Amino acid sequence: MNKSCVICGKKADLHHLEGSRIGQGNNRNKVNHMGRRVEALCRVHHDAWHHDEANLMAKYHLSGIRVNAEIAQLYRLNTVGGNDDRSYV
């Protein structure tokens, strides 16, 4: 499944929103993605998001979507095991 940036339409990766972060101690291959908020962003917008997420969310009126079983299966996201950071709930 190809993902397109929700802002510009270019090829995208999933970005985990504030409170749903991956990395920073949360291993994307081991963490349970269920319930985490994500959105598809190209590399340019993804990098910008890491520097100014609150303002960009307001500017583009985005809030992301919560990963459910269908989304997890579609993007092959891990859904087993514990969550390293439960601040997203």
C-alpha atoms as a PDB file:
ATOM      1  CA  MET A   1       0.000   0.000   0.000  1.00  0.00           C
ATOM      2  CA  ASN A   2       1.438   3.337  -1.028  1.00  0.00           C
ATOM      3  CA  LYS A   3       0.939   6.224   1.341  1.00  0.00           C
ATOM      4  CA  SER A   4       0.553   9.829   0.188  1.00  0.00           C
ATOM      5  CA  CYS A   5       1.338  12.917   2.246  1.00  0.00           C
ATOM      6  CA  VAL A   6      -1.864  14.418   3.641  1.00  0.00           C
ATOM      7  CA  ILE A   7      -0.488  17.892   2.849  1.00  0.00           C
ATOM      8  CA  CYS A   8       1.195  17.698  -0.559  1.00  0.00           C
ATOM      9  CA  GLY A   9       0.360  14.244  -1.955  1.00  0.00           C
ATOM     10  CA  LYS A  10       3.976  13.059  -2.323  1.00  0.00           C
ATOM     11  CA  LYS A  11       5.120   9.579  -1.249  1.00  0.00           C
ATOM     12  CA  ALA A  12       4.856   9.376   2.528  1.00  0.00           C
ATOM     13  CA  ASP A  13       5.672   7.439   5.674  1.00  0.00           C
ATOM     14  CA  LEU A  14       3.518   7.214   8.791  1.00  0.00           C
ATOM     15  CA  HIS A  15       4.266   9.883  11.352  1.00  0.00           C
ATOM     16  CA  HIS A  16       3.342   9.113  14.970  1.00  0.00           C
ATOM     17  CA  LEU A  17       1.809  12.198  16.571  1.00  0.00           C
ATOM     18  CA  GLU A  18       2.679  13.718  19.956  1.00  0.00           C
ATOM     19  CA  GLY A  19       1.857  11.274  22.719  1.00  0.00           C
ATOM     20  CA  SER A  20       2.106   8.387  20.258  1.00  0.00           C
ATOM     21  CA  ARG A  21       5.798   8.733  19.484  1.00  0.00           C
ATOM     22  CA  ILE A  22       7.919   5.921  18.133  1.00  0.00           C
ATOM     23  CA  GLY A  23      11.656   6.068  18.627  1.00  0.00           C
ATOM     24  CA  GLN A  24      13.013   7.866  21.671  1.00  0.00           C
ATOM     25  CA  GLY A  25      13.118   4.486  23.445  1.00  0.00           C
ATOM     26  CA  ASN A  26      10.016   3.073  21.715  1.00  0.00           C
ATOM     27  CA  ASN A  27      11.178   0.433  19.205  1.00  0.00           C
ATOM     28  CA  ARG A  28       8.808   0.561  16.181  1.00  0.00           C
ATOM     29  CA  ASN A  29       9.271  -3.186  15.647  1.00  0.00           C
ATOM     30  CA  LYS A  30       8.304  -4.131  19.213  1.00  0.00           C
ATOM     31  CA  VAL A  31       5.783  -1.516  20.314  1.00  0.00           C
ATOM     32  CA  ASN A  32       2.051  -2.181  20.003  1.00  0.00           C
ATOM     33  CA  HIS A  33       0.721   0.438  17.542  1.00  0.00           C
ATOM     34  CA  MET A  34      -2.967  -0.078  18.384  1.00  0.00           C
ATOM     35  CA  GLY A  35      -4.590   3.167  19.487  1.00  0.00           C
ATOM     36  CA  ARG A  36      -1.650   5.377  18.567  1.00  0.00           C
ATOM     37  CA  ARG A  37      -2.384   8.436  16.414  1.00  0.00           C
ATOM     38  CA  VAL A  38      -0.678   8.636  13.021  1.00  0.00           C
ATOM     39  CA  GLU A  39      -0.809  10.528   9.745  1.00  0.00           C
ATOM     40  CA  ALA A  40       0.964  10.075   6.413  1.00  0.00           C
ATOM     41  CA  LEU A  41       3.635  12.716   5.778  1.00  0.00           C
ATOM     42  CA  CYS A  42       6.323  13.074   3.098  1.00  0.00           C
ATOM     43  CA  ARG A  43       9.902  13.462   4.295  1.00  0.00           C
ATOM     44  CA  VAL A  44       9.800  17.292   4.051  1.00  0.00           C
ATOM     45  CA  HIS A  45       6.589  17.632   6.073  1.00  0.00           C
ATOM     46  CA  HIS A  46       7.630  14.820   8.452  1.00  0.00           C
ATOM     47  CA  ASP A  47      10.859  16.663   9.325  1.00  0.00           C
ATOM     48  CA  ALA A  48       8.972  19.955   9.722  1.00  0.00           C
ATOM     49  CA  TRP A  49       6.480  18.239  12.040  1.00  0.00           C
ATOM     50  CA  HIS A  50       9.263  17.217  14.411  1.00  0.00           C
ATOM     51  CA  HIS A  51      10.235  20.879  14.807  1.00  0.00           C
ATOM     52  CA  ASP A  52       6.804  22.537  15.081  1.00  0.00           C
ATOM     53  CA  GLU A  53       4.014  19.948  15.442  1.00  0.00           C
ATOM     54  CA  ALA A  54       1.471  22.045  17.359  1.00  0.00           C
ATOM     55  CA  ASN A  55       1.573  24.975  14.930  1.00  0.00           C
ATOM     56  CA  LEU A  56       1.524  22.772  11.822  1.00  0.00           C
ATOM     57  CA  MET A  57      -1.427  20.745  13.138  1.00  0.00           C
ATOM     58  CA  ALA A  58      -3.328  23.982  13.680  1.00  0.00           C
ATOM     59  CA  LYS A  59      -2.287  25.417  10.307  1.00  0.00           C
ATOM     60  CA  TYR A  60      -3.373  22.325   8.353  1.00  0.00           C
ATOM     61  CA  HIS A  61      -6.261  21.351  10.686  1.00  0.00           C
ATOM     62  CA  LEU A  62      -4.953  17.808  11.150  1.00  0.00           C
ATOM     63  CA  SER A  63      -5.452  15.524  14.112  1.00  0.00           C
ATOM     64  CA  GLY A  64      -4.333  12.156  12.709  1.00  0.00           C
ATOM     65  CA  ILE A  65      -6.143   8.851  12.979  1.00  0.00           C
ATOM     66  CA  ARG A  66      -5.950   6.139  15.628  1.00  0.00           C
ATOM     67  CA  VAL A  67      -4.448   2.858  14.488  1.00  0.00           C
ATOM     68  CA  ASN A  68      -7.074   0.109  14.549  1.00  0.00           C
ATOM     69  CA  ALA A  69      -6.803  -3.537  13.440  1.00  0.00           C
ATOM     70  CA  GLU A  70      -7.560  -2.697   9.793  1.00  0.00           C
ATOM     71  CA  ILE A  71      -4.915   0.045   9.585  1.00  0.00           C
ATOM     72  CA  ALA A  72      -2.374  -2.077  11.449  1.00  0.00           C
ATOM     73  CA  GLN A  73      -2.866  -4.971   9.038  1.00  0.00           C
ATOM     74  CA  LEU A  74      -2.770  -2.706   5.975  1.00  0.00           C
ATOM     75  CA  TYR A  75       0.546  -1.129   7.005  1.00  0.00           C
ATOM     76  CA  ARG A  76       1.957  -4.241   8.710  1.00  0.00           C
ATOM     77  CA  LEU A  77       2.220  -2.570  12.109  1.00  0.00           C
ATOM     78  CA  ASN A  78       2.904  -4.582  15.241  1.00  0.00           C
ATOM     79  CA  THR A  79      -0.190  -5.134  17.395  1.00  0.00           C
ATOM     80  CA  VAL A  80       1.176  -7.491  20.053  1.00  0.00           C
ATOM     81  CA  GLY A  81       3.234  -6.847  23.125  1.00  0.00           C
ATOM     82  CA  GLY A  82       3.158  -3.966  25.521  1.00  0.00           C
ATOM     83  CA  ASN A  83       3.457  -0.280  24.785  1.00  0.00           C
ATOM     84  CA  ASP A  84       6.626   1.326  26.037  1.00  0.00           C
ATOM     85  CA  ASP A  85       4.863   4.683  26.471  1.00  0.00           C
ATOM     86  CA  ARG A  86       1.188   4.762  27.419  1.00  0.00           C
ATOM     87  CA  SER A  87       0.821   8.560  27.248  1.00  0.00           C
ATOM     88  CA  TYR A  88      -1.082   8.229  23.954  1.00  0.00           C
ATOM     89  CA  VAL A  89      -4.152   6.624  25.598  1.00  0.00           C
END
